[in-house]
N, C-alpha and C. Protein backbone atom coordinates (compact mmCIF):
# COMPACT_ATOMS: atom_id res chain seq x y z
N UNK A 1 -70.64 -51.49 7.38
CA UNK A 1 -71.47 -50.39 7.04
C UNK A 1 -72.46 -49.83 8.17
N UNK A 2 -73.04 -50.64 8.48
CA UNK A 2 -74.01 -50.26 9.79
C UNK A 2 -73.28 -49.83 10.72
N UNK A 3 -71.99 -50.17 11.18
CA UNK A 3 -71.34 -49.60 12.42
C UNK A 3 -70.71 -48.04 12.02
N UNK A 4 -70.47 -47.77 10.95
CA UNK A 4 -69.97 -46.66 10.04
C UNK A 4 -71.14 -45.62 10.22
N UNK A 5 -72.14 -45.79 9.55
CA UNK A 5 -73.27 -45.03 10.24
C UNK A 5 -73.72 -44.77 11.58
N UNK A 6 -73.68 -45.71 12.23
CA UNK A 6 -74.34 -45.26 13.73
C UNK A 6 -73.03 -44.46 14.35
N UNK A 7 -71.66 -44.89 14.13
CA UNK A 7 -70.83 -43.86 14.65
C UNK A 7 -70.55 -42.38 14.18
N UNK A 8 -71.29 -42.34 12.94
CA UNK A 8 -71.12 -41.15 12.44
C UNK A 8 -72.38 -40.12 13.25
N UNK A 9 -73.42 -41.10 13.39
CA UNK A 9 -74.71 -40.54 14.08
C UNK A 9 -74.54 -39.85 15.56
N UNK A 10 -73.52 -40.59 16.10
CA UNK A 10 -73.08 -40.53 17.60
C UNK A 10 -71.89 -39.47 17.48
N UNK A 11 -71.15 -39.25 16.41
CA UNK A 11 -70.23 -38.15 16.43
C UNK A 11 -70.85 -36.70 16.71
N UNK A 12 -70.23 -36.00 17.76
CA UNK A 12 -70.72 -34.56 18.15
C UNK A 12 -69.60 -33.36 17.86
N UNK A 13 -68.45 -33.92 17.55
CA UNK A 13 -67.60 -33.05 17.34
C UNK A 13 -67.85 -31.78 16.48
N UNK A 14 -68.68 -31.94 15.56
CA UNK A 14 -68.87 -30.73 14.35
C UNK A 14 -70.01 -30.21 14.96
N UNK A 15 -71.00 -30.50 15.74
CA UNK A 15 -72.10 -29.71 16.41
C UNK A 15 -71.53 -28.95 17.51
N UNK A 16 -70.69 -29.35 18.02
CA UNK A 16 -69.91 -28.65 19.10
C UNK A 16 -69.12 -27.40 18.52
N UNK A 17 -68.54 -27.53 17.61
CA UNK A 17 -67.82 -26.53 16.89
C UNK A 17 -68.71 -25.66 16.13
N UNK A 18 -69.87 -25.72 15.78
CA UNK A 18 -71.04 -25.03 15.16
C UNK A 18 -71.52 -24.27 16.36
N UNK A 19 -71.92 -24.82 17.49
CA UNK A 19 -72.52 -23.98 18.86
C UNK A 19 -71.38 -23.23 19.32
N UNK A 20 -70.12 -23.65 19.08
CA UNK A 20 -69.15 -22.20 19.75
C UNK A 20 -69.22 -21.20 18.38
N UNK A 21 -69.35 -21.38 17.28
CA UNK A 21 -68.97 -20.34 16.44
C UNK A 21 -70.41 -19.51 16.43
N UNK A 22 -71.56 -20.05 16.74
CA UNK A 22 -72.83 -19.16 17.03
C UNK A 22 -72.64 -18.27 18.15
N UNK A 23 -71.90 -19.01 19.48
CA UNK A 23 -72.03 -18.20 20.37
C UNK A 23 -70.89 -17.37 20.19
N UNK A 24 -69.64 -17.28 19.55
CA UNK A 24 -69.01 -16.25 19.38
C UNK A 24 -69.45 -15.24 18.43
N UNK A 25 -70.41 -15.40 17.47
CA UNK A 25 -70.97 -14.64 16.24
C UNK A 25 -72.15 -13.58 17.29
N UNK A 26 -72.69 -14.51 18.40
CA UNK A 26 -73.72 -13.49 18.95
C UNK A 26 -72.53 -12.68 20.32
N UNK A 27 -72.04 -13.00 20.44
CA UNK A 27 -70.83 -12.01 21.39
C UNK A 27 -70.47 -10.78 20.73
N UNK A 28 -70.02 -11.38 19.46
CA UNK A 28 -69.27 -9.96 18.56
C UNK A 28 -70.66 -9.15 18.34
N UNK A 29 -71.80 -9.87 17.91
CA UNK A 29 -72.75 -8.94 18.10
C UNK A 29 -73.35 -7.90 18.58
N UNK A 30 -73.10 -8.38 20.01
CA UNK A 30 -73.56 -7.81 21.03
C UNK A 30 -72.38 -6.76 21.49
N UNK A 31 -71.11 -6.97 21.19
CA UNK A 31 -70.04 -5.98 21.30
C UNK A 31 -70.02 -5.22 20.31
N UNK A 32 -70.65 -4.95 18.98
CA UNK A 32 -70.87 -4.07 17.94
C UNK A 32 -72.18 -3.28 18.29
N UNK A 33 -73.04 -3.98 18.61
CA UNK A 33 -74.05 -3.07 19.37
C UNK A 33 -74.00 -2.34 20.34
N UNK A 34 -73.01 -2.85 21.41
CA UNK A 34 -72.74 -1.98 22.49
C UNK A 34 -71.82 -0.67 22.16
N UNK A 35 -70.82 -1.16 21.19
CA UNK A 35 -69.75 -0.01 20.91
C UNK A 35 -70.57 1.17 20.06
N UNK A 36 -71.53 0.72 19.55
CA UNK A 36 -72.44 1.87 18.77
C UNK A 36 -73.10 2.68 19.84
N UNK A 37 -73.43 2.30 20.68
CA UNK A 37 -74.29 2.62 21.49
C UNK A 37 -73.48 3.52 22.43
N UNK A 38 -72.42 3.02 23.02
CA UNK A 38 -71.38 3.68 23.70
C UNK A 38 -70.76 5.01 22.97
N UNK A 39 -70.49 5.00 21.73
CA UNK A 39 -70.19 5.90 21.07
C UNK A 39 -70.97 7.23 20.90
N UNK A 40 -72.37 6.80 20.96
CA UNK A 40 -73.42 7.70 20.80
C UNK A 40 -73.47 8.66 22.02
N UNK A 41 -73.57 7.76 22.93
CA UNK A 41 -73.42 8.12 24.30
C UNK A 41 -72.47 9.18 24.84
N UNK A 42 -71.22 9.18 24.31
CA UNK A 42 -70.13 9.44 24.45
C UNK A 42 -70.11 10.90 23.57
N UNK A 43 -70.55 10.74 22.42
CA UNK A 43 -70.57 12.08 21.57
C UNK A 43 -71.51 12.87 22.45
N UNK A 44 -72.95 12.70 22.78
CA UNK A 44 -74.00 13.03 23.26
C UNK A 44 -73.39 14.08 24.91
N UNK A 45 -72.43 13.22 25.34
CA UNK A 45 -72.18 13.69 26.61
C UNK A 45 -71.25 14.95 26.49
N UNK A 46 -70.10 14.58 25.45
CA UNK A 46 -69.12 15.65 25.28
C UNK A 46 -69.82 17.04 24.82
N UNK A 47 -70.71 16.67 24.01
CA UNK A 47 -71.41 17.72 23.23
C UNK A 47 -72.31 18.72 24.41
N UNK A 48 -73.05 18.02 25.64
CA UNK A 48 -73.59 18.49 26.80
C UNK A 48 -72.41 19.20 27.42
N UNK A 49 -71.51 18.69 27.52
CA UNK A 49 -70.26 19.38 28.53
C UNK A 49 -69.93 20.55 27.50
N UNK A 50 -69.54 20.52 26.34
CA UNK A 50 -68.95 21.71 25.40
C UNK A 50 -70.10 22.82 25.46
N UNK A 51 -71.66 22.43 25.53
CA UNK A 51 -72.50 23.34 25.87
C UNK A 51 -72.58 24.02 27.03
N UNK A 52 -72.24 23.35 28.32
CA UNK A 52 -72.26 23.86 29.52
C UNK A 52 -71.08 25.01 29.35
N UNK A 53 -70.03 24.65 28.78
CA UNK A 53 -68.72 25.26 29.15
C UNK A 53 -68.82 26.72 28.14
N UNK A 54 -69.53 26.41 26.97
CA UNK A 54 -69.35 27.50 26.01
C UNK A 54 -68.60 27.31 25.05
N UNK A 55 -68.04 26.06 24.78
CA UNK A 55 -67.29 25.95 23.61
C UNK A 55 -68.23 25.40 22.58
N UNK A 56 -67.86 25.98 21.14
CA UNK A 56 -68.50 25.44 19.79
C UNK A 56 -67.75 24.20 19.48
N UNK A 57 -68.50 23.14 19.38
CA UNK A 57 -67.87 22.07 18.55
C UNK A 57 -68.71 21.85 17.42
N UNK A 58 -68.03 21.61 16.07
CA UNK A 58 -68.72 21.22 14.78
C UNK A 58 -69.36 20.28 14.62
N UNK A 59 -70.42 20.25 14.02
CA UNK A 59 -71.28 18.74 13.88
C UNK A 59 -70.75 18.12 12.68
N UNK A 60 -70.70 16.78 13.29
CA UNK A 60 -70.06 15.95 12.27
C UNK A 60 -70.94 15.58 10.93
């Protein structure tokens, strides 16, 4: 029983999977935040271009 508990404490496979899950979650969060910011910047850029050309674009 003592060996079983010692082996359980030394086993780090579950911890590694959790770490990879956390890293993947943080990467997904960064991508989502970047995509939102990129979309806003693109919309503003196209609106600015349309204003300079004189084209009217409807507001969403």
